Amino acid sequence: MKTVFSKAARAFTLVELLIASAVAALAVAAVLAGAIAMQRSFVAAEDFAVAKTDQARLSDYITLDLRRALSVTVGNGDGNPIVTMQIPDYYDPDGLPRTPTISNYVADYGDPAQPVTVVYRKVGSSIYRQENAETPREIAANVEDFQIPKPIDLGKVVKTQVTFAPRFERTATAAARTATTVYSTTMLRNKRKAP
């Protein structure tokens, strides 16, 4: 017996349809897994970049202020470290640089009796910088630990240590996370004054 099929009557058999569906499902699963991996990688790279930027910003701010500090006081408030520095008033109220007055080889900017007070404090997992009575500004986030040992004999060098918690984690346990610690040693350039 001969069976004649016309071109319009051709179709996939059930077995062919199941095989094609399985291959398509595997291809979609592979694309989906790749997209998820790319998204996780993007988030991890972005978190890494943000953390490195915070670390560099904090290190730059603290180093700048410590270099020009006249006095450095390290204290503890609410269980968190507070670093208070007195720096010369380099700028007038309009933001223009002041011309220093020099006497006995010491340069004074503005009124030496009224230096600018800069305070660094850790609140929660952030470090804030406050200059005089201005509103504190957050300069670093995800900070686990912030340490500035007291300067020794009104020292010439101040060491800082800041530990940042990683934001991207592969496992669900916090114990598996490794923190990044940034160390900085700053050579002080102004003549120290007793706090």
N, C-alpha and C. Protein backbone atom coordinates (compact mmCIF):
# COMPACT_ATOMS: atom_id res chain seq x y z
N MET A 1 0.82 -1.17 0.00
CA MET A 1 0.00 0.00 0.00
C MET A 1 0.87 1.24 0.00
N LYS A 2 0.56 2.12 -0.87
CA LYS A 2 1.31 3.37 -0.95
C LYS A 2 0.49 4.49 -0.37
N THR A 3 1.15 5.32 0.47
CA THR A 3 0.46 6.48 1.01
C THR A 3 1.07 7.71 0.39
N VAL A 4 0.25 8.58 -0.07
CA VAL A 4 0.76 9.81 -0.70
C VAL A 4 0.41 10.97 0.21
N PHE A 5 1.45 11.74 0.57
CA PHE A 5 1.25 12.94 1.39
C PHE A 5 1.44 14.16 0.52
N SER A 6 0.61 15.10 0.71
CA SER A 6 0.82 16.35 0.00
C SER A 6 1.74 17.23 0.84
N LYS A 7 2.28 18.28 0.23
CA LYS A 7 3.20 19.18 0.95
C LYS A 7 2.48 19.88 2.10
N ALA A 8 1.25 20.17 1.96
CA ALA A 8 0.51 20.87 3.01
C ALA A 8 0.22 19.97 4.20
N ALA A 9 0.28 18.69 4.06
CA ALA A 9 -0.07 17.78 5.14
C ALA A 9 1.12 17.37 5.97
N ARG A 10 2.31 17.86 5.67
CA ARG A 10 3.51 17.47 6.43
C ARG A 10 3.53 18.16 7.79
N ALA A 11 4.03 17.48 8.85
CA ALA A 11 4.12 18.04 10.20
C ALA A 11 5.16 17.25 10.99
N PHE A 12 5.54 17.79 12.18
CA PHE A 12 6.46 17.09 13.06
C PHE A 12 5.72 15.98 13.77
N THR A 13 6.46 14.92 14.00
CA THR A 13 5.88 13.86 14.81
C THR A 13 6.03 14.25 16.28
N LEU A 14 5.37 13.53 17.14
CA LEU A 14 5.42 13.83 18.57
C LEU A 14 6.84 13.66 19.11
N VAL A 15 7.57 12.68 18.67
CA VAL A 15 8.94 12.45 19.13
C VAL A 15 9.83 13.61 18.69
N GLU A 16 9.70 14.04 17.44
CA GLU A 16 10.51 15.16 16.96
C GLU A 16 10.20 16.44 17.74
N LEU A 17 8.95 16.66 18.03
CA LEU A 17 8.54 17.83 18.78
C LEU A 17 9.11 17.81 20.20
N LEU A 18 9.10 16.65 20.85
CA LEU A 18 9.67 16.53 22.20
C LEU A 18 11.18 16.76 22.19
N ILE A 19 11.87 16.22 21.20
CA ILE A 19 13.33 16.41 21.11
C ILE A 19 13.64 17.89 20.87
N ALA A 20 12.93 18.53 19.97
CA ALA A 20 13.16 19.95 19.69
C ALA A 20 12.87 20.80 20.92
N SER A 21 11.82 20.48 21.66
CA SER A 21 11.50 21.22 22.89
C SER A 21 12.59 21.05 23.94
N ALA A 22 13.12 19.84 24.08
CA ALA A 22 14.19 19.60 25.05
C ALA A 22 15.45 20.37 24.69
N VAL A 23 15.81 20.38 23.39
CA VAL A 23 17.00 21.13 22.95
C VAL A 23 16.79 22.63 23.19
N ALA A 24 15.60 23.13 22.87
CA ALA A 24 15.31 24.55 23.10
C ALA A 24 15.34 24.89 24.58
N ALA A 25 14.81 24.02 25.42
CA ALA A 25 14.83 24.26 26.87
C ALA A 25 16.26 24.30 27.40
N LEU A 26 17.13 23.41 26.90
CA LEU A 26 18.54 23.42 27.32
C LEU A 26 19.22 24.71 26.87
N ALA A 27 18.93 25.17 25.66
CA ALA A 27 19.54 26.41 25.16
C ALA A 27 19.08 27.61 26.00
N VAL A 28 17.79 27.68 26.32
CA VAL A 28 17.27 28.78 27.14
C VAL A 28 17.87 28.72 28.55
N ALA A 29 18.00 27.53 29.11
CA ALA A 29 18.60 27.38 30.45
C ALA A 29 20.05 27.85 30.44
N ALA A 30 20.79 27.51 29.39
CA ALA A 30 22.19 27.94 29.30
C ALA A 30 22.29 29.46 29.19
N VAL A 31 21.43 30.06 28.38
CA VAL A 31 21.42 31.52 28.25
C VAL A 31 21.04 32.17 29.57
N LEU A 32 20.05 31.63 30.26
CA LEU A 32 19.61 32.17 31.54
C LEU A 32 20.72 32.06 32.59
N ALA A 33 21.38 30.91 32.64
CA ALA A 33 22.49 30.73 33.60
C ALA A 33 23.62 31.71 33.29
N GLY A 34 23.92 31.89 32.02
CA GLY A 34 24.96 32.85 31.64
C GLY A 34 24.59 34.27 32.01
N ALA A 35 23.32 34.64 31.81
CA ALA A 35 22.86 35.99 32.16
C ALA A 35 22.94 36.23 33.66
N ILE A 36 22.57 35.22 34.45
CA ILE A 36 22.65 35.36 35.90
C ILE A 36 24.10 35.50 36.35
N ALA A 37 24.98 34.70 35.77
CA ALA A 37 26.41 34.80 36.11
C ALA A 37 26.97 36.16 35.73
N MET A 38 26.58 36.68 34.58
CA MET A 38 27.04 38.00 34.16
C MET A 38 26.53 39.09 35.10
N GLN A 39 25.26 38.97 35.52
CA GLN A 39 24.69 39.96 36.43
C GLN A 39 25.41 39.93 37.77
N ARG A 40 25.67 38.73 38.30
CA ARG A 40 26.41 38.61 39.57
C ARG A 40 27.81 39.19 39.44
N SER A 41 28.45 38.92 38.32
CA SER A 41 29.79 39.45 38.09
C SER A 41 29.77 40.97 38.00
N PHE A 42 28.76 41.52 37.33
CA PHE A 42 28.64 42.97 37.23
C PHE A 42 28.43 43.60 38.60
N VAL A 43 27.54 43.02 39.41
CA VAL A 43 27.28 43.54 40.75
C VAL A 43 28.54 43.47 41.61
N ALA A 44 29.27 42.35 41.52
CA ALA A 44 30.50 42.20 42.29
C ALA A 44 31.54 43.23 41.87
N ALA A 45 31.68 43.45 40.57
CA ALA A 45 32.65 44.43 40.08
C ALA A 45 32.27 45.84 40.50
N GLU A 46 30.97 46.14 40.47
CA GLU A 46 30.52 47.47 40.88
C GLU A 46 30.74 47.67 42.38
N ASP A 47 30.43 46.67 43.19
CA ASP A 47 30.65 46.77 44.63
C ASP A 47 32.14 46.92 44.94
N PHE A 48 32.98 46.19 44.23
CA PHE A 48 34.43 46.29 44.42
C PHE A 48 34.91 47.70 44.09
N ALA A 49 34.42 48.26 42.99
CA ALA A 49 34.82 49.62 42.60
C ALA A 49 34.36 50.65 43.62
N VAL A 50 33.13 50.51 44.12
CA VAL A 50 32.62 51.45 45.13
C VAL A 50 33.45 51.34 46.40
N ALA A 51 33.77 50.11 46.82
CA ALA A 51 34.56 49.93 48.04
C ALA A 51 35.96 50.53 47.88
N LYS A 52 36.60 50.31 46.74
CA LYS A 52 37.93 50.88 46.51
C LYS A 52 37.89 52.40 46.48
N THR A 53 36.83 52.97 45.91
CA THR A 53 36.69 54.42 45.88
C THR A 53 36.52 54.97 47.29
N ASP A 54 35.68 54.31 48.10
CA ASP A 54 35.51 54.73 49.50
C ASP A 54 36.83 54.66 50.25
N GLN A 55 37.57 53.58 50.05
CA GLN A 55 38.85 53.41 50.74
C GLN A 55 39.83 54.50 50.35
N ALA A 56 39.92 54.80 49.05
CA ALA A 56 40.84 55.83 48.59
C ALA A 56 40.42 57.21 49.09
N ARG A 57 39.10 57.50 49.06
CA ARG A 57 38.61 58.80 49.52
C ARG A 57 38.92 59.00 50.99
N LEU A 58 38.63 57.99 51.81
CA LEU A 58 38.88 58.11 53.25
C LEU A 58 40.37 58.28 53.53
N SER A 59 41.18 57.49 52.87
CA SER A 59 42.63 57.59 53.06
C SER A 59 43.14 58.97 52.65
N ASP A 60 42.64 59.50 51.53
CA ASP A 60 43.08 60.82 51.07
C ASP A 60 42.66 61.92 52.04
N TYR A 61 41.40 61.88 52.50
CA TYR A 61 40.92 62.91 53.43
C TYR A 61 41.73 62.89 54.73
N ILE A 62 41.86 61.71 55.32
CA ILE A 62 42.56 61.62 56.60
C ILE A 62 44.02 62.04 56.45
N THR A 63 44.66 61.59 55.39
CA THR A 63 46.07 61.94 55.18
C THR A 63 46.23 63.44 55.00
N LEU A 64 45.37 64.06 54.20
CA LEU A 64 45.44 65.51 53.99
C LEU A 64 45.28 66.26 55.31
N ASP A 65 44.26 65.88 56.09
CA ASP A 65 44.02 66.59 57.34
C ASP A 65 45.12 66.32 58.37
N LEU A 66 45.62 65.09 58.43
CA LEU A 66 46.69 64.80 59.39
C LEU A 66 47.97 65.54 59.04
N ARG A 67 48.28 65.67 57.75
CA ARG A 67 49.51 66.36 57.35
C ARG A 67 49.52 67.81 57.80
N ARG A 68 48.38 68.45 57.72
CA ARG A 68 48.34 69.87 58.06
C ARG A 68 47.86 70.13 59.49
N ALA A 69 47.64 69.08 60.26
CA ALA A 69 47.10 69.24 61.62
C ALA A 69 48.11 69.89 62.56
N LEU A 70 47.59 70.77 63.40
CA LEU A 70 48.39 71.37 64.47
C LEU A 70 48.32 70.51 65.72
N SER A 71 47.18 69.84 65.92
CA SER A 71 47.03 68.91 67.04
C SER A 71 46.07 67.81 66.62
N VAL A 72 46.31 66.62 67.17
CA VAL A 72 45.48 65.45 66.89
C VAL A 72 45.06 64.85 68.22
N THR A 73 43.76 64.69 68.42
CA THR A 73 43.25 64.08 69.64
C THR A 73 42.40 62.88 69.25
N VAL A 74 42.72 61.73 69.82
CA VAL A 74 41.97 60.51 69.55
C VAL A 74 41.16 60.18 70.79
N GLY A 75 39.87 60.02 70.60
CA GLY A 75 38.99 59.71 71.72
C GLY A 75 38.03 58.61 71.36
N ASN A 76 37.11 58.35 72.27
CA ASN A 76 36.11 57.31 72.07
C ASN A 76 34.76 57.87 72.48
N GLY A 77 33.83 57.88 71.55
CA GLY A 77 32.50 58.37 71.87
C GLY A 77 31.46 57.35 71.47
N ASP A 78 30.61 56.96 72.38
CA ASP A 78 29.58 55.95 72.12
C ASP A 78 30.19 54.63 71.64
N GLY A 79 31.38 54.32 72.10
CA GLY A 79 32.04 53.07 71.70
C GLY A 79 32.70 53.13 70.35
N ASN A 80 32.63 54.28 69.67
CA ASN A 80 33.26 54.43 68.37
C ASN A 80 34.36 55.47 68.45
N PRO A 81 35.43 55.28 67.67
CA PRO A 81 36.54 56.24 67.72
C PRO A 81 36.14 57.60 67.15
N ILE A 82 36.67 58.64 67.77
CA ILE A 82 36.50 60.01 67.30
C ILE A 82 37.89 60.62 67.22
N VAL A 83 38.21 61.17 66.06
CA VAL A 83 39.51 61.82 65.87
C VAL A 83 39.23 63.30 65.63
N THR A 84 39.82 64.14 66.49
CA THR A 84 39.65 65.58 66.37
C THR A 84 40.99 66.20 66.03
N MET A 85 41.00 67.03 65.00
CA MET A 85 42.23 67.69 64.56
C MET A 85 42.00 69.19 64.49
N GLN A 86 43.01 69.93 64.82
CA GLN A 86 43.01 71.38 64.64
C GLN A 86 43.92 71.66 63.46
N ILE A 87 43.39 72.33 62.43
CA ILE A 87 44.21 72.66 61.26
C ILE A 87 44.17 74.17 61.05
N PRO A 88 45.20 74.73 60.44
CA PRO A 88 45.18 76.18 60.18
C PRO A 88 44.01 76.57 59.29
N ASP A 89 43.57 77.82 59.43
CA ASP A 89 42.46 78.34 58.62
C ASP A 89 43.04 78.87 57.32
N TYR A 90 43.23 77.98 56.35
CA TYR A 90 43.89 78.32 55.10
C TYR A 90 43.05 79.20 54.18
N TYR A 91 41.73 79.20 54.35
CA TYR A 91 40.85 79.90 53.41
C TYR A 91 39.96 80.91 54.13
N ASP A 92 39.71 82.04 53.46
CA ASP A 92 38.81 83.04 54.03
C ASP A 92 37.36 82.63 53.78
N PRO A 93 36.38 83.36 54.31
CA PRO A 93 34.98 82.96 54.15
C PRO A 93 34.51 82.87 52.70
N ASP A 94 35.21 83.55 51.77
CA ASP A 94 34.84 83.49 50.35
C ASP A 94 35.48 82.30 49.65
N GLY A 95 36.28 81.51 50.37
CA GLY A 95 36.93 80.35 49.77
C GLY A 95 38.25 80.67 49.10
N LEU A 96 38.75 81.88 49.28
CA LEU A 96 40.02 82.27 48.68
C LEU A 96 41.17 81.97 49.64
N PRO A 97 42.33 81.57 49.13
CA PRO A 97 43.45 81.27 50.03
C PRO A 97 43.94 82.51 50.77
N ARG A 98 44.27 82.31 52.02
CA ARG A 98 44.81 83.41 52.83
C ARG A 98 46.31 83.53 52.60
N THR A 99 46.82 84.74 52.69
CA THR A 99 48.26 84.97 52.64
C THR A 99 48.80 84.77 54.05
N PRO A 100 49.79 83.89 54.21
CA PRO A 100 50.27 83.63 55.57
C PRO A 100 51.11 84.79 56.11
N THR A 101 51.10 84.92 57.44
CA THR A 101 52.01 85.83 58.11
C THR A 101 53.11 84.97 58.72
N ILE A 102 54.34 85.37 58.50
CA ILE A 102 55.48 84.56 58.96
C ILE A 102 56.21 85.31 60.05
N SER A 103 56.33 84.64 61.21
CA SER A 103 57.11 85.21 62.31
C SER A 103 57.85 84.07 63.00
N ASN A 104 59.12 84.27 63.25
CA ASN A 104 59.99 83.26 63.87
C ASN A 104 59.92 81.94 63.11
N TYR A 105 59.95 82.03 61.78
CA TYR A 105 59.95 80.85 60.90
C TYR A 105 58.68 80.01 61.00
N VAL A 106 57.61 80.61 61.51
CA VAL A 106 56.33 79.90 61.61
C VAL A 106 55.32 80.66 60.76
N ALA A 107 54.66 79.94 59.85
CA ALA A 107 53.63 80.54 59.00
C ALA A 107 52.27 80.37 59.68
N ASP A 108 51.57 81.48 59.84
CA ASP A 108 50.23 81.45 60.42
C ASP A 108 49.23 81.89 59.36
N TYR A 109 48.12 81.15 59.26
CA TYR A 109 47.05 81.47 58.33
C TYR A 109 45.85 81.91 59.13
N GLY A 110 45.30 83.07 58.79
CA GLY A 110 44.15 83.56 59.53
C GLY A 110 44.53 83.86 60.96
N ASP A 111 43.60 83.64 61.87
CA ASP A 111 43.84 83.86 63.29
C ASP A 111 44.36 82.55 63.90
N PRO A 112 45.65 82.53 64.32
CA PRO A 112 46.20 81.28 64.88
C PRO A 112 45.47 80.81 66.14
N ALA A 113 44.76 81.71 66.81
CA ALA A 113 44.04 81.33 68.02
C ALA A 113 42.71 80.65 67.68
N GLN A 114 42.30 80.71 66.41
CA GLN A 114 41.03 80.08 66.01
C GLN A 114 41.23 79.16 64.81
N PRO A 115 41.88 78.02 65.03
CA PRO A 115 42.07 77.09 63.91
C PRO A 115 40.76 76.40 63.54
N VAL A 116 40.77 75.72 62.42
CA VAL A 116 39.61 74.97 61.97
C VAL A 116 39.62 73.61 62.67
N THR A 117 38.49 73.19 63.18
CA THR A 117 38.38 71.89 63.84
C THR A 117 37.77 70.89 62.87
N VAL A 118 38.46 69.78 62.66
CA VAL A 118 37.98 68.70 61.79
C VAL A 118 37.79 67.47 62.66
N VAL A 119 36.60 66.86 62.58
CA VAL A 119 36.28 65.69 63.39
C VAL A 119 35.91 64.54 62.47
N TYR A 120 36.54 63.38 62.71
CA TYR A 120 36.18 62.13 62.03
C TYR A 120 35.54 61.23 63.08
N ARG A 121 34.39 60.67 62.73
CA ARG A 121 33.74 59.75 63.66
C ARG A 121 33.07 58.63 62.88
N LYS A 122 33.04 57.48 63.52
CA LYS A 122 32.35 56.33 62.94
C LYS A 122 30.97 56.25 63.56
N VAL A 123 29.96 56.24 62.70
CA VAL A 123 28.57 56.11 63.14
C VAL A 123 27.99 54.93 62.37
N GLY A 124 27.64 53.89 63.10
CA GLY A 124 27.17 52.67 62.42
C GLY A 124 28.30 52.07 61.60
N SER A 125 28.07 51.92 60.31
CA SER A 125 29.12 51.37 59.45
C SER A 125 29.67 52.43 58.51
N SER A 126 29.47 53.71 58.85
CA SER A 126 29.96 54.81 58.01
C SER A 126 30.92 55.69 58.81
N ILE A 127 31.82 56.35 58.08
CA ILE A 127 32.71 57.33 58.70
C ILE A 127 32.33 58.70 58.15
N TYR A 128 32.14 59.64 59.08
CA TYR A 128 31.74 61.00 58.73
C TYR A 128 32.87 61.97 59.04
N ARG A 129 32.96 63.02 58.23
CA ARG A 129 33.93 64.10 58.44
C ARG A 129 33.15 65.38 58.65
N GLN A 130 33.49 66.11 59.72
CA GLN A 130 32.81 67.37 60.02
C GLN A 130 33.87 68.44 60.20
N GLU A 131 33.66 69.56 59.52
CA GLU A 131 34.59 70.68 59.62
C GLU A 131 33.87 71.82 60.34
N ASN A 132 34.42 72.26 61.48
CA ASN A 132 33.79 73.27 62.34
C ASN A 132 32.35 72.87 62.63
N ALA A 133 31.39 73.77 62.41
CA ALA A 133 29.99 73.47 62.76
C ALA A 133 29.17 73.02 61.55
N GLU A 134 29.84 72.69 60.45
CA GLU A 134 29.13 72.25 59.25
C GLU A 134 28.45 70.90 59.49
N THR A 135 27.54 70.56 58.60
CA THR A 135 26.87 69.27 58.67
C THR A 135 27.88 68.17 58.35
N PRO A 136 27.94 67.11 59.16
CA PRO A 136 28.87 66.01 58.86
C PRO A 136 28.56 65.39 57.50
N ARG A 137 29.63 65.02 56.76
CA ARG A 137 29.47 64.38 55.46
C ARG A 137 30.02 62.97 55.51
N GLU A 138 29.25 62.03 54.97
CA GLU A 138 29.71 60.64 54.91
C GLU A 138 30.79 60.54 53.84
N ILE A 139 31.94 59.99 54.21
CA ILE A 139 33.00 59.84 53.22
C ILE A 139 33.36 58.38 52.97
N ALA A 140 32.85 57.46 53.78
CA ALA A 140 33.10 56.04 53.55
C ALA A 140 31.97 55.22 54.18
N ALA A 141 31.59 54.15 53.48
CA ALA A 141 30.53 53.26 53.98
C ALA A 141 31.08 51.85 54.12
N ASN A 142 30.31 50.98 54.77
CA ASN A 142 30.67 49.58 54.99
C ASN A 142 31.98 49.43 55.77
N VAL A 143 32.16 50.28 56.76
CA VAL A 143 33.37 50.23 57.58
C VAL A 143 33.10 49.35 58.79
N GLU A 144 33.92 48.33 58.97
CA GLU A 144 33.79 47.47 60.15
C GLU A 144 34.55 48.03 61.33
N ASP A 145 35.75 48.55 61.08
CA ASP A 145 36.63 48.98 62.16
C ASP A 145 37.39 50.22 61.72
N PHE A 146 37.58 51.17 62.63
CA PHE A 146 38.27 52.43 62.34
C PHE A 146 39.20 52.69 63.52
N GLN A 147 40.52 52.67 63.27
CA GLN A 147 41.48 52.84 64.36
C GLN A 147 42.53 53.86 63.98
N ILE A 148 42.75 54.79 64.88
CA ILE A 148 43.88 55.71 64.78
C ILE A 148 44.52 55.72 66.16
N PRO A 149 45.66 55.05 66.30
CA PRO A 149 46.32 55.07 67.60
C PRO A 149 46.75 56.49 67.96
N LYS A 150 46.82 56.76 69.24
CA LYS A 150 47.23 58.10 69.68
C LYS A 150 48.66 58.37 69.22
N PRO A 151 48.91 59.59 68.72
CA PRO A 151 50.28 59.94 68.33
C PRO A 151 51.20 59.89 69.55
N ILE A 152 52.37 59.34 69.36
CA ILE A 152 53.32 59.22 70.47
C ILE A 152 54.16 60.48 70.55
N ASP A 153 54.37 60.99 71.70
CA ASP A 153 55.05 62.23 72.05
C ASP A 153 54.86 63.32 71.01
N LEU A 154 53.57 63.62 70.79
CA LEU A 154 53.16 64.63 69.81
C LEU A 154 53.82 64.32 68.48
N GLY A 155 53.93 63.06 68.19
CA GLY A 155 54.71 62.47 67.13
C GLY A 155 54.79 63.15 65.79
N LYS A 156 55.64 62.60 64.99
CA LYS A 156 55.84 63.06 63.63
C LYS A 156 55.10 62.16 62.65
N VAL A 157 54.63 61.02 63.13
CA VAL A 157 53.96 60.06 62.26
C VAL A 157 52.67 59.59 62.94
N VAL A 158 51.61 59.50 62.13
CA VAL A 158 50.35 58.94 62.63
C VAL A 158 49.97 57.80 61.72
N LYS A 159 49.63 56.66 62.32
CA LYS A 159 49.21 55.49 61.54
C LYS A 159 47.71 55.31 61.68
N THR A 160 47.06 55.02 60.57
CA THR A 160 45.62 54.78 60.59
C THR A 160 45.35 53.37 60.07
N GLN A 161 44.24 52.83 60.51
CA GLN A 161 43.83 51.50 60.07
C GLN A 161 42.31 51.49 59.96
N VAL A 162 41.82 51.18 58.76
CA VAL A 162 40.38 51.13 58.51
C VAL A 162 40.07 49.80 57.85
N THR A 163 39.10 49.07 58.41
CA THR A 163 38.70 47.77 57.86
C THR A 163 37.33 47.92 57.23
N PHE A 164 37.24 47.53 55.96
CA PHE A 164 35.99 47.62 55.21
C PHE A 164 35.40 46.23 55.05
N ALA A 165 34.09 46.13 55.25
CA ALA A 165 33.39 44.86 55.05
C ALA A 165 33.10 44.68 53.57
N PRO A 166 33.35 43.50 53.03
CA PRO A 166 33.00 43.29 51.62
C PRO A 166 31.50 43.29 51.44
N ARG A 167 31.03 43.87 50.35
CA ARG A 167 29.60 43.95 50.12
C ARG A 167 29.10 42.76 49.31
N PHE A 168 29.96 42.17 48.51
CA PHE A 168 29.53 41.05 47.67
C PHE A 168 29.96 39.77 48.34
N GLU A 169 29.05 38.85 48.53
CA GLU A 169 29.39 37.58 49.16
C GLU A 169 28.78 36.44 48.37
N ARG A 170 29.53 35.38 48.26
CA ARG A 170 29.07 34.22 47.51
C ARG A 170 28.30 33.25 48.39
N THR A 171 28.65 33.23 49.67
CA THR A 171 27.97 32.32 50.59
C THR A 171 27.04 33.12 51.49
N ALA A 172 26.16 32.43 52.14
CA ALA A 172 25.18 33.11 52.99
C ALA A 172 25.73 33.43 54.37
N THR A 173 26.86 32.86 54.75
CA THR A 173 27.38 33.08 56.10
C THR A 173 28.32 34.28 56.12
N ALA A 174 28.14 35.14 57.11
CA ALA A 174 28.99 36.32 57.23
C ALA A 174 30.40 35.93 57.64
N ALA A 175 30.57 34.78 58.30
CA ALA A 175 31.91 34.36 58.73
C ALA A 175 32.81 34.03 57.54
N ALA A 176 32.22 33.72 56.41
CA ALA A 176 33.03 33.37 55.24
C ALA A 176 33.57 34.60 54.53
N ARG A 177 33.09 35.79 54.92
CA ARG A 177 33.54 37.01 54.26
C ARG A 177 34.88 37.45 54.81
N THR A 178 35.75 37.91 53.95
CA THR A 178 37.04 38.43 54.36
C THR A 178 37.03 39.93 54.15
N ALA A 179 37.39 40.67 55.18
CA ALA A 179 37.38 42.13 55.10
C ALA A 179 38.68 42.64 54.50
N THR A 180 38.63 43.86 54.00
CA THR A 180 39.80 44.54 53.46
C THR A 180 40.23 45.59 54.47
N THR A 181 41.50 45.58 54.85
CA THR A 181 42.01 46.56 55.78
C THR A 181 42.98 47.48 55.05
N VAL A 182 42.76 48.79 55.21
CA VAL A 182 43.62 49.79 54.58
C VAL A 182 44.47 50.41 55.68
N TYR A 183 45.78 50.34 55.52
CA TYR A 183 46.73 50.93 56.46
C TYR A 183 47.33 52.17 55.83
N SER A 184 47.55 53.19 56.65
CA SER A 184 48.15 54.42 56.14
C SER A 184 49.08 54.98 57.20
N THR A 185 50.25 55.39 56.77
CA THR A 185 51.20 56.05 57.66
C THR A 185 51.42 57.46 57.13
N THR A 186 51.12 58.46 57.94
CA THR A 186 51.19 59.84 57.50
C THR A 186 52.26 60.58 58.26
N MET A 187 53.15 61.22 57.52
CA MET A 187 54.18 62.06 58.11
C MET A 187 53.59 63.45 58.35
N LEU A 188 53.61 63.90 59.58
CA LEU A 188 53.02 65.19 59.93
C LEU A 188 53.99 66.30 59.59
N ARG A 189 53.50 67.39 58.96
CA ARG A 189 54.44 68.42 58.52
C ARG A 189 54.38 69.68 59.35
N ASN A 190 53.26 69.98 60.01
CA ASN A 190 53.19 71.19 60.84
C ASN A 190 53.77 70.90 62.22
N LYS A 191 54.27 71.96 62.86
CA LYS A 191 54.79 71.81 64.21
C LYS A 191 53.62 71.49 65.12
N ARG A 192 53.74 70.40 65.90
CA ARG A 192 52.66 69.98 66.78
C ARG A 192 52.45 70.96 67.91
N LYS A 193 51.21 71.08 68.29
CA LYS A 193 50.86 71.83 69.50
C LYS A 193 50.18 70.85 70.43
N ALA A 194 50.37 70.98 71.69
CA ALA A 194 49.75 70.09 72.65
C ALA A 194 48.23 70.25 72.55
N PRO A 195 47.47 69.10 72.53
CA PRO A 195 46.01 69.19 72.45
C PRO A 195 45.39 69.76 73.71
